[in-house]
């Protein structure tokens, strides 16, 4: 059952109610004082352009009205075909996507559209399968949120992605970095090794870019999670290992005996300028230091 909010409902109350109870009339019924307070929090800050893709028209309208109240520019689509048009025309900073779009493979569409306009992707779904979450993240999603969720949860994800988006914009003039025979193009999600170019997922690209700008230094698991996913904790080491494994398959001559992307046991990972043979690794690892910050 859905409940509308009274006109006097505060924004703080909204944050702590499940999203499904915040129907459009309730969100629009917030007092003018509260609305002004919400918009004021975004003044002077970079405003994110959002695109919401979901079959559920009711939820899309509800989210659109609510997020506009917070000062975001919001666009929407209910089908994969319309999503492609909106993505290319509006060039969003963040796409909020339910992967169960009926007329298209949503994650495949994301990978295709990110080659035309690289946007951050937040997946929201009713799915409870952990494997589905892993597959979405490994297919290029930047974050994952299960339905039903609280508005405060969604806002926290958006804020984290805003920080990452700002960082990405600042890095774009220096998006091509060369480390030995490896050339990383984080703007176009590509890596070239000795002239051979391979495509990367957005997540792989961010991870390799982080290792490249800190070449010959060690990036810890918490630093990787903070940079790639925007979280301030130690993160899921299994997820990091999965992405490192995929990167090695694209970068290393022999992924099972890596020469460039090295594991520092109990600490993190490093990208080295020169290929390191097995018998040299122990000596090289002693010379590396952890990235500060």
Protein backbone atom coordinates (compact mmCIF):
# COMPACT_ATOMS: atom_id res chain seq x y z
CA UNK A 1 0.00 0.00 0.00
CA UNK A 2 1.24 3.50 -0.88
CA UNK A 3 0.96 6.46 1.45
CA UNK A 4 1.14 10.12 0.42
CA UNK A 5 3.04 12.67 2.49
CA UNK A 6 1.34 15.61 4.10
CA UNK A 7 2.20 19.14 3.02
CA UNK A 8 4.13 19.69 6.25
CA UNK A 9 6.35 16.63 5.87
CA UNK A 10 9.98 17.66 6.25
CA UNK A 11 12.79 16.63 3.92
CA UNK A 12 14.44 14.77 6.80
CA UNK A 13 11.26 12.67 7.11
CA UNK A 14 11.41 11.95 3.38
CA UNK A 15 14.97 10.69 3.60
CA UNK A 16 13.99 8.06 6.14
CA UNK A 17 10.83 6.73 4.48
CA UNK A 18 11.03 3.96 1.87
CA UNK A 19 10.97 5.43 -1.61
CA UNK A 20 7.80 3.59 -2.56
CA UNK A 21 5.77 5.65 -0.07
CA UNK A 22 6.94 8.95 -1.55
CA UNK A 23 4.39 9.40 -4.30
CA UNK A 24 4.71 12.36 -6.62
CA UNK A 25 2.00 14.43 -4.97
CA UNK A 26 3.73 14.00 -1.63
CA UNK A 27 7.09 15.13 -2.92
CA UNK A 28 5.59 18.12 -4.69
CA UNK A 29 3.66 18.90 -1.52
CA UNK A 30 6.78 19.76 0.47
CA UNK A 31 6.58 23.21 2.02
CA UNK A 32 8.20 26.07 0.10
CA UNK A 33 10.59 26.62 3.00
CA UNK A 34 11.81 23.01 2.78
CA UNK A 35 12.15 23.18 -1.00
CA UNK A 36 14.24 26.34 -0.72
CA UNK A 37 16.43 24.66 1.87
CA UNK A 38 16.99 21.66 -0.44
CA UNK A 39 17.91 23.76 -3.46
CA UNK A 40 20.19 25.94 -1.36
CA UNK A 41 22.36 22.95 -0.51
CA UNK A 42 23.34 22.68 -4.17
CA UNK A 43 24.08 26.35 -4.83
CA UNK A 44 27.57 26.97 -6.09
CA UNK A 45 28.20 23.26 -6.64
CA UNK A 46 28.49 21.27 -9.85
CA UNK A 47 24.94 20.17 -10.79
CA UNK A 48 24.64 16.60 -11.95
CA UNK A 49 22.60 15.68 -15.03
CA UNK A 50 20.67 12.47 -14.39
CA UNK A 51 18.95 9.99 -16.72
CA UNK A 52 16.51 7.50 -15.16
CA UNK A 53 15.76 4.31 -17.11
CA UNK A 54 13.06 2.02 -15.77
CA UNK A 55 9.94 0.17 -16.96
CA UNK A 56 8.06 1.37 -13.89
CA UNK A 57 6.61 4.69 -15.06
CA UNK A 58 5.16 5.47 -11.65
CA UNK A 59 8.51 5.15 -9.90
CA UNK A 60 10.29 7.07 -12.67
CA UNK A 61 7.89 10.00 -12.31
CA UNK A 62 8.18 9.89 -8.53
CA UNK A 63 11.99 9.88 -8.65
CA UNK A 64 12.09 12.57 -11.33
CA UNK A 65 9.91 14.99 -9.35
CA UNK A 66 11.79 14.36 -6.13
CA UNK A 67 15.28 14.74 -7.63
CA UNK A 68 14.28 17.91 -9.47
CA UNK A 69 13.22 19.31 -6.09
CA UNK A 70 16.80 18.73 -4.97
CA UNK A 71 18.16 20.81 -7.83
CA UNK A 72 19.25 18.06 -10.23
CA UNK A 73 18.58 18.13 -13.97
CA UNK A 74 16.60 14.94 -14.60
CA UNK A 75 15.64 13.15 -17.82
CA UNK A 76 13.85 9.82 -18.16
CA UNK A 77 13.04 6.93 -20.46
CA UNK A 78 10.91 3.80 -20.12
CA UNK A 79 12.32 1.71 -22.99
CA UNK A 80 15.75 0.79 -24.25
CA UNK A 81 15.22 2.48 -27.61
CA UNK A 82 14.18 5.75 -25.97
CA UNK A 83 17.04 5.38 -23.50
CA UNK A 84 19.59 5.36 -26.34
CA UNK A 85 18.14 8.58 -27.75
CA UNK A 86 18.07 10.35 -24.39
CA UNK A 87 21.58 9.14 -23.52
CA UNK A 88 23.06 10.45 -26.76
CA UNK A 89 21.11 13.74 -26.84
CA UNK A 90 21.20 14.70 -23.14
CA UNK A 91 24.69 13.31 -22.37
CA UNK A 92 23.96 12.59 -18.69
CA UNK A 93 26.59 12.50 -15.95
CA UNK A 94 24.81 9.64 -14.18
CA UNK A 95 22.37 6.99 -15.44
CA UNK A 96 20.07 5.35 -12.88
CA UNK A 97 19.11 2.07 -14.50
CA UNK A 98 16.87 -0.90 -13.81
CA UNK A 99 18.45 -3.68 -15.93
CA UNK A 100 15.09 -5.41 -16.50
CA UNK A 101 14.17 -3.15 -19.44
CA UNK A 102 11.95 -5.36 -21.61
CA UNK A 103 13.06 -4.41 -25.11
CA UNK A 104 16.84 -4.50 -24.74
CA UNK A 105 19.77 -6.10 -22.92
CA UNK A 106 20.25 -3.16 -20.57
CA UNK A 107 23.88 -3.79 -19.59
CA UNK A 108 24.91 -4.44 -23.19
CA UNK A 109 23.20 -1.17 -24.15
CA UNK A 110 25.14 0.61 -21.40
CA UNK A 111 28.46 -0.66 -22.70
CA UNK A 112 27.53 0.45 -26.21
CA UNK A 113 26.32 3.90 -25.12
CA UNK A 114 29.35 4.49 -22.87
CA UNK A 115 31.50 4.31 -26.00
CA UNK A 116 29.48 7.25 -27.36
CA UNK A 117 29.15 9.19 -24.10
CA UNK A 118 30.83 7.92 -20.96
CA UNK A 119 28.37 8.26 -18.07
CA UNK A 120 28.44 6.79 -14.59
CA UNK A 121 25.88 4.00 -14.09
CA UNK A 122 23.93 3.23 -10.93
CA UNK A 123 21.91 0.00 -11.17
CA UNK A 124 18.71 -0.28 -9.11
CA UNK A 125 16.88 -3.59 -9.12
CA UNK A 126 14.52 -5.87 -7.20
CA UNK A 127 17.00 -8.71 -7.66
CA UNK A 128 18.37 -10.40 -4.55
CA UNK A 129 21.00 -12.53 -6.30
CA UNK A 130 24.56 -11.62 -5.34
CA UNK A 131 25.84 -13.04 -8.62
CA UNK A 132 23.58 -10.63 -10.52
CA UNK A 133 25.11 -7.75 -8.59
CA UNK A 134 28.63 -8.92 -9.42
CA UNK A 135 27.73 -9.34 -13.09
CA UNK A 136 26.29 -5.81 -13.27
CA UNK A 137 29.39 -4.30 -11.65
CA UNK A 138 31.72 -6.28 -13.86
CA UNK A 139 29.68 -5.27 -16.93
CA UNK A 140 30.43 -1.61 -16.30
CA UNK A 141 28.05 -0.42 -13.58
CA UNK A 142 29.65 1.94 -11.06
CA UNK A 143 27.29 1.15 -8.20
CA UNK A 144 24.38 -1.12 -7.31
CA UNK A 145 21.34 -0.48 -5.10
CA UNK A 146 18.61 -2.98 -4.28
CA UNK A 147 14.93 -2.02 -4.26
CA UNK A 148 13.13 -0.99 -2.19
CA UNK A 149 15.55 1.62 -0.90
CA UNK A 150 15.36 4.71 1.26
CA UNK A 151 15.82 8.11 -0.41
CA UNK A 152 18.80 8.77 1.88
CA UNK A 153 20.47 5.67 0.45
CA UNK A 154 19.99 6.90 -3.11
CA UNK A 155 21.27 10.36 -2.22
CA UNK A 156 24.38 8.89 -0.59
CA UNK A 157 25.12 6.95 -3.78
CA UNK A 158 24.57 10.04 -5.95
CA UNK A 159 26.80 12.17 -3.72
CA UNK A 160 29.58 9.58 -3.94
CA UNK A 161 29.26 9.50 -7.72
CA UNK A 162 29.28 13.31 -7.87
CA UNK A 163 32.65 13.28 -6.13
CA UNK A 164 33.91 10.72 -8.60
CA UNK A 165 32.46 12.67 -11.53
CA UNK A 166 34.29 15.82 -10.47
CA UNK A 167 37.49 13.85 -10.18
CA UNK A 168 36.98 12.42 -13.66
CA UNK A 169 36.43 15.87 -15.16
CA UNK A 170 39.62 17.14 -13.55
CA UNK A 171 41.58 14.19 -14.92
CA UNK A 172 40.36 14.30 -18.52
CA UNK A 173 43.11 16.65 -19.82
CA UNK A 174 45.58 14.00 -18.59
CA UNK A 175 43.48 10.99 -19.51
CA UNK A 176 46.22 9.33 -21.60
CA UNK A 177 49.04 7.96 -19.46
CA UNK A 178 51.96 5.83 -20.61
CA UNK A 179 53.68 3.39 -18.30
CA UNK A 180 56.41 1.46 -20.11
CA UNK A 181 54.76 -0.31 -23.08
CA UNK A 182 51.28 0.28 -21.62
CA UNK A 183 49.26 3.32 -22.75
CA UNK A 184 46.05 3.93 -20.77
CA UNK A 185 43.32 6.12 -22.31
CA UNK A 186 40.76 6.52 -19.52
CA UNK A 187 38.62 8.94 -21.53
CA UNK A 188 37.93 6.37 -24.25
CA UNK A 189 38.24 3.30 -21.97
CA UNK A 190 41.11 1.76 -23.92
CA UNK A 191 44.55 0.34 -23.25
CA UNK A 192 47.34 -0.12 -25.80
CA UNK A 193 50.21 -2.53 -25.25
CA UNK A 194 53.03 -2.28 -27.79
CA UNK A 195 50.59 -0.62 -30.20
CA UNK A 196 47.78 -3.18 -29.84
CA UNK A 197 44.58 -1.52 -28.55
CA UNK A 198 42.02 -3.27 -26.34
CA UNK A 199 38.72 -1.96 -24.99
CA UNK A 200 38.13 -1.72 -21.24
CA UNK A 201 34.96 -1.51 -19.21
CA UNK A 202 34.58 1.86 -17.40
CA UNK A 203 35.44 0.20 -14.09
CA UNK A 204 38.53 -1.50 -15.53
CA UNK A 205 39.56 1.81 -17.07
CA UNK A 206 39.30 3.67 -13.74
CA UNK A 207 41.25 0.97 -11.94
CA UNK A 208 44.03 0.88 -14.53
CA UNK A 209 44.13 4.70 -14.61
CA UNK A 210 44.62 4.77 -10.83
CA UNK A 211 47.45 2.25 -11.03
CA UNK A 212 49.02 4.16 -13.94
CA UNK A 213 49.07 7.57 -12.22
CA UNK A 214 50.68 5.85 -9.24
CA UNK A 215 53.03 3.64 -11.26
CA UNK A 216 55.78 1.95 -9.21
CA UNK A 217 53.85 2.77 -6.02
CA UNK A 218 51.36 0.59 -4.17
CA UNK A 219 47.62 1.36 -4.19
CA UNK A 220 45.83 -0.12 -1.19
CA UNK A 221 42.43 -1.83 -1.37
CA UNK A 222 40.75 1.11 0.39
CA UNK A 223 42.30 3.59 -2.07
CA UNK A 224 41.12 1.51 -5.01
CA UNK A 225 37.57 1.30 -3.67
CA UNK A 226 37.46 5.03 -2.90
CA UNK A 227 38.72 6.00 -6.37
CA UNK A 228 36.84 3.45 -8.47
CA UNK A 229 33.55 3.08 -6.57
CA UNK A 230 33.48 6.20 -4.38
CA UNK A 231 33.22 4.40 -1.03
CA UNK A 232 35.26 5.31 2.02
CA UNK A 233 35.98 1.84 3.35
CA UNK A 234 38.11 -1.22 2.70
CA UNK A 235 35.61 -2.52 0.19
CA UNK A 236 35.11 -6.00 -1.19
CA UNK A 237 38.53 -7.52 -1.83
CA UNK A 238 36.95 -10.29 -3.92
CA UNK A 239 35.46 -7.71 -6.28
CA UNK A 240 38.82 -5.93 -6.61
CA UNK A 241 40.52 -9.25 -7.34
CA UNK A 242 37.96 -9.99 -10.06
CA UNK A 243 38.65 -6.69 -11.83
CA UNK A 244 42.42 -7.10 -11.48
CA UNK A 245 42.11 -10.59 -12.97
CA UNK A 246 40.19 -9.21 -15.96
CA UNK A 247 42.74 -6.43 -16.43
CA UNK A 248 45.59 -8.92 -16.42
CA UNK A 249 43.85 -10.89 -19.15
CA UNK A 250 43.92 -7.76 -21.31
CA UNK A 251 47.37 -6.41 -20.34
CA UNK A 252 49.66 -9.27 -19.41
CA UNK A 253 51.41 -11.62 -21.89
CA UNK A 254 50.60 -14.43 -19.42
CA UNK A 255 47.81 -13.46 -16.96
CA UNK A 256 48.81 -16.33 -14.66
CA UNK A 257 52.34 -14.94 -14.35
CA UNK A 258 51.85 -11.15 -14.32
CA UNK A 259 54.80 -8.95 -15.25
CA UNK A 260 53.20 -5.50 -14.94
CA UNK A 261 50.21 -5.54 -12.54
CA UNK A 262 51.71 -6.98 -9.37
CA UNK A 263 49.98 -8.04 -6.15
CA UNK A 264 51.47 -6.77 -2.91
CA UNK A 265 50.24 -9.39 -0.41
CA UNK A 266 48.15 -7.90 2.38
CA UNK A 267 48.48 -4.36 0.98
CA UNK A 268 47.23 -3.85 -2.57
CA UNK A 269 48.43 -3.63 -6.18
CA UNK A 270 50.99 -1.79 -8.29
CA UNK A 271 51.68 -1.18 -11.98
CA UNK A 272 55.39 -1.18 -12.82
CA UNK A 273 57.17 0.51 -15.73
CA UNK A 274 59.22 -2.50 -16.74
CA UNK A 275 58.22 -6.15 -16.93
CA UNK A 276 59.31 -7.96 -13.79
CA UNK A 277 60.36 -11.58 -14.10
CA UNK A 278 59.40 -14.05 -11.36
CA UNK A 279 62.90 -14.18 -9.90
CA UNK A 280 63.03 -10.37 -9.67
CA UNK A 281 59.66 -9.78 -8.00
CA UNK A 282 60.80 -10.15 -4.40
CA UNK A 283 63.56 -7.59 -4.86
CA UNK A 284 61.29 -5.14 -6.70
CA UNK A 285 58.52 -5.38 -4.11
CA UNK A 286 60.91 -4.27 -1.37
CA UNK A 287 61.54 -0.98 -3.23
CA UNK A 288 57.86 0.00 -3.53
CA UNK A 289 56.03 2.35 -1.20
CA UNK A 290 52.33 2.79 -0.47
CA UNK A 291 50.62 5.80 -2.07
CA UNK A 292 49.92 8.45 0.58
CA UNK A 293 46.43 9.77 1.23
